[in-house]
Amino acid sequence: MEALRHWLDRVIDYAEIKRGVLAALEPAAWQDLVTHSQNPIEGALAHLLDAGKTAGSIRTDVDAHGVLLLIAYLGRLDREKWESTARPLMNVILDGLRTIR
């Protein structure tokens, strides 16, 4: 869980930078960038989730694609609310991934 938390924290930093870049791009270029980054991100997330599932700390009924769908909604945050909202929402996602003991 700690590795996943750290990784997701870095994803938030990356998303904040990417959000600014995406706002400046044409729609076709935006789609190319999203497609290019999705596979490596999904693969890394799958690796972390699988390790957590094996360790018994992460639910077995979730997959990387589903978690990415949740993370994608961070892009809908208003710029002025990013700092106060992105990390608390990521904590909600992390709490939802935990195995109930």
Protein backbone atom coordinates (compact mmCIF):
# COMPACT_ATOMS: atom_id res chain seq x y z
CA MET A 1 0.00 0.00 0.00
CA GLU A 2 2.84 2.37 0.81
CA ALA A 3 4.41 1.87 -2.63
CA LEU A 4 1.03 2.41 -4.28
CA ARG A 5 0.43 5.55 -2.21
CA HIS A 6 3.82 6.95 -3.23
CA TRP A 7 3.23 6.09 -6.89
CA LEU A 8 -0.23 7.66 -6.93
CA ASP A 9 1.19 10.77 -5.29
CA ARG A 10 3.63 11.05 -8.19
CA VAL A 11 0.77 10.47 -10.64
CA ILE A 12 -0.99 13.52 -9.17
CA ASP A 13 2.14 15.61 -9.74
CA TYR A 14 2.38 14.27 -13.30
CA ALA A 15 -1.32 14.88 -13.96
CA GLU A 16 -1.01 18.49 -12.84
CA ILE A 17 1.81 19.08 -15.31
CA LYS A 18 0.11 17.10 -18.06
CA ARG A 19 -3.11 19.01 -17.51
CA GLY A 20 -1.35 22.26 -18.42
CA VAL A 21 0.26 20.68 -21.46
CA LEU A 22 -3.01 19.11 -22.63
CA ALA A 23 -4.83 22.44 -22.38
CA ALA A 24 -2.41 23.90 -24.93
CA LEU A 25 -2.60 21.04 -27.45
CA GLU A 26 -4.89 20.50 -30.41
CA PRO A 27 -7.41 17.65 -29.91
CA ALA A 28 -5.54 15.21 -32.20
CA ALA A 29 -2.24 15.79 -30.43
CA TRP A 30 -3.99 15.48 -27.06
CA GLN A 31 -5.34 12.03 -27.98
CA ASP A 32 -1.89 10.88 -29.14
CA LEU A 33 -0.35 11.97 -25.82
CA VAL A 34 -3.05 10.22 -23.78
CA THR A 35 -2.65 7.01 -25.79
CA HIS A 36 1.13 7.15 -25.44
CA SER A 37 1.08 7.54 -21.66
CA GLN A 38 -1.84 5.24 -20.80
CA ASN A 39 -0.14 1.89 -21.45
CA PRO A 40 3.00 2.50 -19.33
CA ILE A 41 0.91 3.98 -16.52
CA GLU A 42 -1.63 1.15 -16.62
CA GLY A 43 1.18 -1.43 -16.66
CA ALA A 44 2.93 0.12 -13.64
CA LEU A 45 -0.36 0.37 -11.77
CA ALA A 46 -1.22 -3.26 -12.57
CA HIS A 47 2.16 -4.33 -11.18
CA LEU A 48 1.56 -2.44 -7.92
CA LEU A 49 -2.00 -3.72 -7.59
CA ASP A 50 -0.90 -7.32 -8.22
CA ALA A 51 1.79 -7.03 -5.55
CA GLY A 52 -0.77 -5.67 -3.09
CA LYS A 53 -3.23 -8.43 -3.95
CA THR A 54 -0.54 -11.04 -3.38
CA ALA A 55 0.32 -9.43 -0.03
CA GLY A 56 -3.37 -9.35 0.90
CA SER A 57 -3.52 -5.57 1.35
CA ILE A 58 -5.47 -4.75 -1.84
CA ARG A 59 -8.88 -6.00 -2.90
CA THR A 60 -8.88 -8.68 -5.56
CA ASP A 61 -11.95 -7.35 -7.39
CA VAL A 62 -10.26 -4.26 -8.87
CA ASP A 63 -7.97 -3.87 -11.85
CA ALA A 64 -5.65 -1.19 -13.18
CA HIS A 65 -8.08 -0.01 -15.85
CA GLY A 66 -10.82 0.61 -13.29
CA VAL A 67 -8.47 2.54 -11.01
CA LEU A 68 -7.31 4.62 -13.98
CA LEU A 69 -10.92 5.51 -14.72
CA LEU A 70 -11.22 6.87 -11.18
CA ILE A 71 -7.95 8.79 -11.47
CA ALA A 72 -9.02 10.24 -14.83
CA TYR A 73 -11.77 12.20 -13.14
CA LEU A 74 -9.11 14.27 -11.40
CA GLY A 75 -8.75 16.00 -14.76
CA ARG A 76 -12.21 17.47 -14.28
CA LEU A 77 -11.14 19.44 -11.21
CA ASP A 78 -11.12 23.19 -11.56
CA ARG A 79 -7.57 24.54 -11.61
CA GLU A 80 -8.12 26.58 -8.44
CA LYS A 81 -9.34 23.49 -6.55
CA TRP A 82 -6.53 21.16 -7.65
CA GLU A 83 -4.26 21.64 -4.63
CA SER A 84 -7.02 21.29 -2.06
CA THR A 85 -8.89 18.43 -3.74
CA ALA A 86 -6.63 16.11 -5.77
CA ARG A 87 -4.72 14.47 -2.91
CA PRO A 88 -7.76 14.03 -0.63
CA LEU A 89 -9.60 12.33 -3.51
CA MET A 90 -6.60 10.10 -4.13
CA ASN A 91 -6.78 9.08 -0.47
CA VAL A 92 -10.40 8.07 -0.99
CA ILE A 93 -9.31 5.90 -3.93
CA LEU A 94 -6.55 4.32 -1.82
CA ASP A 95 -8.93 3.66 1.07
CA GLY A 96 -11.33 1.98 -1.36
CA LEU A 97 -8.58 -0.32 -2.62
CA ARG A 98 -7.69 -1.63 0.82
CA THR A 99 -8.69 -5.12 1.84
CA ILE A 100 -11.25 -5.01 4.63
CA ARG A 101 -9.84 -6.84 7.63
